[in-house]
């Protein structure tokens, strides 16, 4: 919505695929967007959640360079699985 208000093009936000660096075991009935930090570790893109996973915990925003897209799951997602991520402003796209 913010990009639309700025009259940005539709391709301004690009998801990329990345390996989850640590387990995310929270059960979800809907897609979640978790603050995360991605990095290139030995040629492999990895991402991990940063800070508390609560909408009220805004302190972790400063440590995030992406949003991890966590699809609905009844079992959680294990480390090493592939997920999608959305880079945040200022982050260099991989």
Protein backbone atom coordinates (compact mmCIF):
# COMPACT_ATOMS: atom_id res chain seq x y z
CA UNK A 1 0.00 0.00 0.00
CA UNK A 2 2.82 2.40 0.87
CA UNK A 3 4.53 1.77 -2.47
CA UNK A 4 1.24 2.44 -4.26
CA UNK A 5 0.91 5.76 -2.46
CA UNK A 6 4.43 6.57 -3.66
CA UNK A 7 3.39 5.65 -7.21
CA UNK A 8 6.04 2.92 -7.34
CA UNK A 9 5.83 0.26 -10.01
CA UNK A 10 4.41 -3.19 -9.25
CA UNK A 11 7.83 -4.79 -9.58
CA UNK A 12 9.32 -2.62 -6.82
CA UNK A 13 8.95 -5.44 -4.28
CA UNK A 14 10.64 -8.67 -5.29
CA UNK A 15 10.50 -11.87 -3.31
CA UNK A 16 13.54 -14.11 -3.32
CA UNK A 17 14.06 -17.68 -2.15
CA UNK A 18 16.34 -18.41 0.76
CA UNK A 19 17.14 -21.21 3.21
CA UNK A 20 15.77 -20.93 6.73
CA UNK A 21 18.75 -20.90 9.12
CA UNK A 22 16.84 -22.01 12.22
CA UNK A 23 13.59 -23.77 13.03
CA UNK A 24 10.37 -21.74 13.01
CA UNK A 25 7.97 -23.96 14.92
CA UNK A 26 5.06 -21.58 15.45
CA UNK A 27 1.86 -23.04 13.99
CA UNK A 28 0.03 -20.80 11.51
CA UNK A 29 -3.44 -20.95 10.01
CA UNK A 30 -2.49 -18.08 7.71
CA UNK A 31 0.59 -16.60 6.02
CA UNK A 32 2.89 -14.73 8.41
CA UNK A 33 5.46 -12.07 7.60
CA UNK A 34 8.23 -12.38 10.15
CA UNK A 35 11.03 -9.84 10.56
CA UNK A 36 14.23 -11.47 9.49
CA UNK A 37 17.86 -10.99 8.58
CA UNK A 38 19.25 -12.62 5.45
CA UNK A 39 22.89 -13.04 4.58
CA UNK A 40 25.05 -14.90 2.11
CA UNK A 41 26.90 -17.58 4.05
CA UNK A 42 29.49 -19.41 1.93
CA UNK A 43 27.49 -18.87 -1.26
CA UNK A 44 24.18 -19.93 0.30
CA UNK A 45 21.47 -17.39 1.12
CA UNK A 46 20.19 -17.93 4.65
CA UNK A 47 17.59 -16.10 6.70
CA UNK A 48 16.68 -16.17 10.37
CA UNK A 49 14.02 -14.41 12.42
CA UNK A 50 15.17 -11.45 14.52
CA UNK A 51 13.81 -10.46 17.89
CA UNK A 52 10.39 -11.29 19.25
CA UNK A 53 7.75 -12.41 16.77
CA UNK A 54 5.05 -10.07 18.07
CA UNK A 55 3.53 -7.10 16.30
CA UNK A 56 4.03 -4.99 19.45
CA UNK A 57 7.78 -5.75 19.63
CA UNK A 58 8.94 -2.95 17.34
CA UNK A 59 12.51 -2.94 18.69
CA UNK A 60 13.44 -5.80 16.32
CA UNK A 61 12.63 -3.70 13.23
CA UNK A 62 16.07 -2.10 13.39
CA UNK A 63 17.75 -5.51 13.07
CA UNK A 64 15.67 -6.73 10.12
CA UNK A 65 16.63 -6.43 6.45
CA UNK A 66 13.74 -8.55 5.14
CA UNK A 67 10.40 -10.11 5.92
CA UNK A 68 10.31 -13.90 5.93
CA UNK A 69 7.17 -15.26 4.29
CA UNK A 70 5.97 -18.16 6.45
CA UNK A 71 3.16 -20.07 4.73
CA UNK A 72 0.29 -21.65 6.69
CA UNK A 73 1.59 -24.73 8.50
CA UNK A 74 0.45 -27.25 11.09
CA UNK A 75 3.98 -28.44 11.85
CA UNK A 76 6.22 -25.38 11.58
CA UNK A 77 9.22 -25.09 9.27
CA UNK A 78 12.54 -26.75 9.96
CA UNK A 79 15.97 -25.22 9.46
CA UNK A 80 17.29 -25.87 5.96
CA UNK A 81 13.90 -25.61 4.26
CA UNK A 82 13.41 -23.07 1.50
CA UNK A 83 11.19 -20.06 2.19
CA UNK A 84 10.53 -16.75 0.46
CA UNK A 85 11.69 -13.39 1.75
CA UNK A 86 10.93 -9.79 0.86
CA UNK A 87 13.81 -7.29 1.15
CA UNK A 88 13.13 -4.18 3.25
CA UNK A 89 14.16 -0.65 2.35
CA UNK A 90 17.89 -0.17 2.37
CA UNK A 91 18.60 -3.88 2.00
CA UNK A 92 20.66 -4.88 -1.00
CA UNK A 93 18.78 -7.44 -3.06
CA UNK A 94 20.72 -10.73 -3.28
